[in-house]
Amino acid sequence: MDGDVDYDSICQNIIAEFDMEVLKYFNDEDVEKGYLEVKNRKGEVDTFPLTSISIGVVVADEKRFANILEIGEVGAQVKHLAKMTMGSSYAIDRRKETDL
């Protein structure tokens, strides 16, 4: 991983800004509860979490990947890891060429 780039700080800043700005799209009651209540087609109330962001980071160092498809595959894996956490989150693929 490139030692000059602080991927953790970049992701944390993106999440902090997203989580603050997205609240503008919800009413105060929903923000206070932390979720939405919506009636479904059957008239039953379903709850949904407020919108969040999941970030997957793949560092495409020289010689690590044979092609763009490999980068996409690793990106999908990392994003899946981030989505396993409730709310906004990120995951960084920290493997090196020799780890694969």
N, C-alpha and C. Protein backbone atom coordinates (compact mmCIF):
# COMPACT_ATOMS: atom_id res chain seq x y z
N MET A 1 0.85 -1.18 0.00
CA MET A 1 0.00 0.00 0.00
C MET A 1 0.89 1.23 0.00
N ASP A 2 0.51 2.22 -0.75
CA ASP A 2 1.27 3.45 -0.87
C ASP A 2 1.31 4.15 0.49
N GLY A 3 2.49 4.26 1.08
CA GLY A 3 2.64 4.86 2.40
C GLY A 3 2.33 6.34 2.44
N ASP A 4 2.29 7.00 1.27
CA ASP A 4 2.04 8.44 1.22
C ASP A 4 0.55 8.78 1.28
N VAL A 5 -0.31 7.82 1.06
CA VAL A 5 -1.75 8.08 1.02
C VAL A 5 -2.41 7.51 2.28
N ASP A 6 -3.12 8.36 3.00
CA ASP A 6 -3.82 7.94 4.21
C ASP A 6 -5.26 7.57 3.85
N TYR A 7 -5.44 6.34 3.37
CA TYR A 7 -6.75 5.90 2.91
C TYR A 7 -7.78 5.90 4.03
N ASP A 8 -7.36 5.59 5.23
CA ASP A 8 -8.29 5.61 6.37
C ASP A 8 -8.88 7.00 6.57
N SER A 9 -8.03 8.02 6.58
CA SER A 9 -8.52 9.39 6.78
C SER A 9 -9.43 9.83 5.64
N ILE A 10 -9.07 9.47 4.41
CA ILE A 10 -9.91 9.83 3.27
C ILE A 10 -11.30 9.22 3.43
N CYS A 11 -11.36 7.94 3.75
CA CYS A 11 -12.65 7.27 3.93
C CYS A 11 -13.44 7.85 5.10
N GLN A 12 -12.75 8.09 6.21
CA GLN A 12 -13.42 8.67 7.37
C GLN A 12 -14.00 10.05 7.06
N ASN A 13 -13.28 10.85 6.30
CA ASN A 13 -13.78 12.18 5.94
C ASN A 13 -14.98 12.08 5.01
N ILE A 14 -14.93 11.18 4.05
CA ILE A 14 -16.07 10.98 3.15
C ILE A 14 -17.30 10.58 3.95
N ILE A 15 -17.14 9.62 4.84
CA ILE A 15 -18.26 9.13 5.65
C ILE A 15 -18.81 10.23 6.55
N ALA A 16 -17.93 10.99 7.19
CA ALA A 16 -18.39 12.06 8.09
C ALA A 16 -19.22 13.08 7.31
N GLU A 17 -18.73 13.47 6.14
CA GLU A 17 -19.47 14.46 5.34
C GLU A 17 -20.78 13.87 4.82
N PHE A 18 -20.74 12.64 4.33
CA PHE A 18 -21.96 12.00 3.82
C PHE A 18 -23.01 11.89 4.92
N ASP A 19 -22.60 11.36 6.08
CA ASP A 19 -23.56 11.15 7.17
C ASP A 19 -24.18 12.46 7.65
N MET A 20 -23.44 13.55 7.58
CA MET A 20 -23.98 14.84 7.99
C MET A 20 -24.92 15.39 6.91
N GLU A 21 -24.50 15.35 5.67
CA GLU A 21 -25.29 15.93 4.58
C GLU A 21 -26.56 15.14 4.28
N VAL A 22 -26.52 13.83 4.42
CA VAL A 22 -27.69 13.01 4.07
C VAL A 22 -28.87 13.27 5.00
N LEU A 23 -28.60 13.76 6.20
CA LEU A 23 -29.67 14.02 7.16
C LEU A 23 -30.62 15.11 6.68
N LYS A 24 -30.18 15.94 5.75
CA LYS A 24 -31.02 16.99 5.19
C LYS A 24 -32.24 16.42 4.45
N TYR A 25 -32.15 15.16 4.06
CA TYR A 25 -33.22 14.54 3.28
C TYR A 25 -34.24 13.81 4.15
N PHE A 26 -34.09 13.87 5.45
CA PHE A 26 -35.00 13.21 6.38
C PHE A 26 -35.60 14.24 7.33
N ASN A 27 -36.79 13.94 7.84
CA ASN A 27 -37.37 14.87 8.81
C ASN A 27 -36.75 14.64 10.19
N ASP A 28 -36.97 15.61 11.08
CA ASP A 28 -36.34 15.56 12.41
C ASP A 28 -36.72 14.31 13.19
N GLU A 29 -37.96 13.88 13.07
CA GLU A 29 -38.43 12.69 13.80
C GLU A 29 -37.67 11.44 13.35
N ASP A 30 -37.51 11.27 12.04
CA ASP A 30 -36.78 10.11 11.52
C ASP A 30 -35.31 10.15 11.96
N VAL A 31 -34.71 11.33 11.92
CA VAL A 31 -33.31 11.47 12.33
C VAL A 31 -33.16 11.12 13.80
N GLU A 32 -34.09 11.57 14.62
CA GLU A 32 -34.03 11.29 16.06
C GLU A 32 -34.16 9.79 16.33
N LYS A 33 -35.06 9.12 15.60
CA LYS A 33 -35.24 7.67 15.75
C LYS A 33 -34.09 6.88 15.15
N GLY A 34 -33.52 7.42 14.06
CA GLY A 34 -32.44 6.73 13.38
C GLY A 34 -32.92 5.76 12.31
N TYR A 35 -34.20 5.82 12.00
CA TYR A 35 -34.77 4.95 10.96
C TYR A 35 -36.07 5.55 10.44
N LEU A 36 -36.54 4.98 9.32
CA LEU A 36 -37.81 5.39 8.71
C LEU A 36 -38.87 4.35 9.00
N GLU A 37 -40.09 4.79 9.14
CA GLU A 37 -41.23 3.88 9.24
C GLU A 37 -42.10 4.13 8.01
N VAL A 38 -42.35 3.07 7.24
CA VAL A 38 -43.11 3.18 5.99
C VAL A 38 -44.12 2.05 5.93
N LYS A 39 -45.34 2.40 5.56
CA LYS A 39 -46.36 1.36 5.38
C LYS A 39 -46.13 0.64 4.06
N ASN A 40 -46.19 -0.68 4.13
CA ASN A 40 -46.05 -1.46 2.91
C ASN A 40 -47.41 -1.64 2.23
N ARG A 41 -47.48 -2.42 1.17
CA ARG A 41 -48.73 -2.61 0.42
C ARG A 41 -49.84 -3.23 1.25
N LYS A 42 -49.46 -3.96 2.27
CA LYS A 42 -50.45 -4.62 3.14
C LYS A 42 -50.90 -3.70 4.26
N GLY A 43 -50.37 -2.49 4.30
CA GLY A 43 -50.73 -1.55 5.36
C GLY A 43 -49.94 -1.75 6.64
N GLU A 44 -48.97 -2.66 6.62
CA GLU A 44 -48.14 -2.91 7.79
C GLU A 44 -46.94 -1.95 7.77
N VAL A 45 -46.50 -1.57 8.94
CA VAL A 45 -45.37 -0.63 9.04
C VAL A 45 -44.05 -1.41 9.01
N ASP A 46 -43.21 -1.04 8.07
CA ASP A 46 -41.85 -1.58 7.97
C ASP A 46 -40.88 -0.50 8.40
N THR A 47 -39.74 -0.90 8.94
CA THR A 47 -38.73 0.07 9.32
C THR A 47 -37.48 -0.13 8.45
N PHE A 48 -36.86 0.99 8.11
CA PHE A 48 -35.66 0.97 7.29
C PHE A 48 -34.64 1.92 7.90
N PRO A 49 -33.36 1.51 7.91
CA PRO A 49 -32.33 2.41 8.44
C PRO A 49 -32.18 3.63 7.54
N LEU A 50 -31.67 4.71 8.10
CA LEU A 50 -31.38 5.89 7.29
C LEU A 50 -30.30 5.54 6.28
N THR A 51 -30.25 6.30 5.21
CA THR A 51 -29.29 6.05 4.13
C THR A 51 -27.86 6.13 4.66
N SER A 52 -27.05 5.18 4.21
CA SER A 52 -25.65 5.15 4.61
C SER A 52 -24.80 4.91 3.36
N ILE A 53 -23.50 4.97 3.55
CA ILE A 53 -22.56 4.75 2.44
C ILE A 53 -21.59 3.66 2.83
N SER A 54 -21.26 2.80 1.88
CA SER A 54 -20.25 1.76 2.07
C SER A 54 -19.16 1.97 1.03
N ILE A 55 -17.92 2.00 1.49
CA ILE A 55 -16.79 2.27 0.62
C ILE A 55 -15.84 1.07 0.64
N GLY A 56 -15.47 0.63 -0.54
CA GLY A 56 -14.45 -0.42 -0.68
C GLY A 56 -13.25 0.17 -1.39
N VAL A 57 -12.07 0.01 -0.81
CA VAL A 57 -10.85 0.59 -1.38
C VAL A 57 -9.92 -0.53 -1.84
N VAL A 58 -9.48 -0.41 -3.08
CA VAL A 58 -8.50 -1.34 -3.64
C VAL A 58 -7.34 -0.50 -4.16
N VAL A 59 -6.15 -0.78 -3.66
CA VAL A 59 -4.96 -0.09 -4.13
C VAL A 59 -4.37 -0.93 -5.26
N ALA A 60 -4.41 -0.37 -6.46
CA ALA A 60 -3.96 -1.10 -7.65
C ALA A 60 -2.48 -0.82 -7.91
N ASP A 61 -1.64 -1.34 -7.02
CA ASP A 61 -0.19 -1.18 -7.19
C ASP A 61 0.26 -1.84 -8.49
N GLU A 62 1.34 -1.31 -9.01
CA GLU A 62 1.90 -1.85 -10.25
C GLU A 62 2.19 -3.35 -10.10
N LYS A 63 1.83 -4.13 -11.08
CA LYS A 63 2.07 -5.57 -11.16
C LYS A 63 1.18 -6.40 -10.25
N ARG A 64 0.30 -5.78 -9.47
CA ARG A 64 -0.54 -6.57 -8.57
C ARG A 64 -1.66 -7.28 -9.32
N PHE A 65 -2.22 -6.62 -10.32
CA PHE A 65 -3.35 -7.18 -11.04
C PHE A 65 -2.99 -7.39 -12.51
N ALA A 66 -3.50 -8.49 -13.06
CA ALA A 66 -3.25 -8.79 -14.47
C ALA A 66 -4.13 -7.95 -15.38
N ASN A 67 -5.34 -7.60 -14.89
CA ASN A 67 -6.27 -6.83 -15.73
C ASN A 67 -7.31 -6.15 -14.86
N ILE A 68 -8.14 -5.34 -15.51
CA ILE A 68 -9.16 -4.55 -14.81
C ILE A 68 -10.21 -5.44 -14.14
N LEU A 69 -10.47 -6.61 -14.70
CA LEU A 69 -11.46 -7.52 -14.11
C LEU A 69 -11.04 -7.97 -12.72
N GLU A 70 -9.75 -8.23 -12.54
CA GLU A 70 -9.25 -8.63 -11.22
C GLU A 70 -9.45 -7.51 -10.20
N ILE A 71 -9.22 -6.28 -10.61
CA ILE A 71 -9.44 -5.15 -9.71
C ILE A 71 -10.91 -5.09 -9.31
N GLY A 72 -11.80 -5.28 -10.29
CA GLY A 72 -13.23 -5.27 -10.02
C GLY A 72 -13.65 -6.37 -9.07
N GLU A 73 -13.08 -7.55 -9.22
CA GLU A 73 -13.41 -8.67 -8.33
C GLU A 73 -12.99 -8.37 -6.89
N VAL A 74 -11.79 -7.86 -6.72
CA VAL A 74 -11.32 -7.52 -5.37
C VAL A 74 -12.16 -6.37 -4.81
N GLY A 75 -12.49 -5.42 -5.66
CA GLY A 75 -13.34 -4.32 -5.22
C GLY A 75 -14.69 -4.79 -4.71
N ALA A 76 -15.28 -5.75 -5.41
CA ALA A 76 -16.57 -6.31 -4.97
C ALA A 76 -16.43 -7.01 -3.62
N GLN A 77 -15.34 -7.72 -3.41
CA GLN A 77 -15.11 -8.40 -2.13
C GLN A 77 -14.99 -7.39 -0.99
N VAL A 78 -14.22 -6.34 -1.23
CA VAL A 78 -13.98 -5.35 -0.18
C VAL A 78 -15.27 -4.58 0.13
N LYS A 79 -16.02 -4.23 -0.90
CA LYS A 79 -17.28 -3.52 -0.68
C LYS A 79 -18.25 -4.40 0.10
N HIS A 80 -18.26 -5.70 -0.20
CA HIS A 80 -19.12 -6.63 0.55
C HIS A 80 -18.75 -6.61 2.03
N LEU A 81 -17.47 -6.59 2.32
CA LEU A 81 -17.03 -6.51 3.73
C LEU A 81 -17.53 -5.24 4.39
N ALA A 82 -17.45 -4.13 3.67
CA ALA A 82 -17.92 -2.85 4.23
C ALA A 82 -19.42 -2.90 4.49
N LYS A 83 -20.17 -3.52 3.59
CA LYS A 83 -21.63 -3.57 3.73
C LYS A 83 -22.09 -4.46 4.89
N MET A 84 -21.21 -5.29 5.41
CA MET A 84 -21.57 -6.16 6.53
C MET A 84 -21.73 -5.38 7.83
N THR A 85 -21.23 -4.15 7.84
CA THR A 85 -21.34 -3.28 9.02
C THR A 85 -22.56 -2.40 8.86
N MET A 86 -23.39 -2.31 9.88
CA MET A 86 -24.57 -1.46 9.84
C MET A 86 -24.14 0.00 9.84
N GLY A 87 -24.77 0.81 9.03
CA GLY A 87 -24.43 2.22 8.93
C GLY A 87 -23.29 2.43 7.95
N SER A 88 -22.82 3.65 7.88
CA SER A 88 -21.73 3.98 6.96
C SER A 88 -20.44 3.33 7.42
N SER A 89 -19.71 2.77 6.46
CA SER A 89 -18.47 2.07 6.80
C SER A 89 -17.57 1.98 5.58
N TYR A 90 -16.35 1.54 5.82
CA TYR A 90 -15.42 1.32 4.73
C TYR A 90 -14.55 0.12 5.03
N ALA A 91 -13.99 -0.45 3.98
CA ALA A 91 -13.03 -1.55 4.11
C ALA A 91 -11.94 -1.31 3.07
N ILE A 92 -10.72 -1.60 3.46
CA ILE A 92 -9.57 -1.40 2.58
C ILE A 92 -8.88 -2.73 2.37
N ASP A 93 -8.67 -3.07 1.10
CA ASP A 93 -7.91 -4.28 0.77
C ASP A 93 -6.43 -3.95 0.98
N ARG A 94 -5.84 -4.53 2.01
CA ARG A 94 -4.46 -4.21 2.37
C ARG A 94 -3.46 -5.27 1.90
N ARG A 95 -3.94 -6.21 1.09
CA ARG A 95 -3.04 -7.26 0.61
C ARG A 95 -2.05 -6.68 -0.40
N LYS A 96 -0.89 -7.26 -0.44
CA LYS A 96 0.15 -6.89 -1.40
C LYS A 96 0.15 -7.94 -2.51
N GLU A 97 0.91 -7.69 -3.55
CA GLU A 97 1.01 -8.62 -4.66
C GLU A 97 1.40 -10.01 -4.17
N THR A 98 2.30 -10.08 -3.19
CA THR A 98 2.80 -11.36 -2.69
C THR A 98 1.79 -12.10 -1.83
N ASP A 99 0.73 -11.41 -1.36
CA ASP A 99 -0.29 -12.02 -0.51
C ASP A 99 -1.33 -12.78 -1.31
N LEU A 100 -1.41 -12.53 -2.60
CA LEU A 100 -2.49 -13.11 -3.42
C LEU A 100 -2.18 -14.47 -3.92
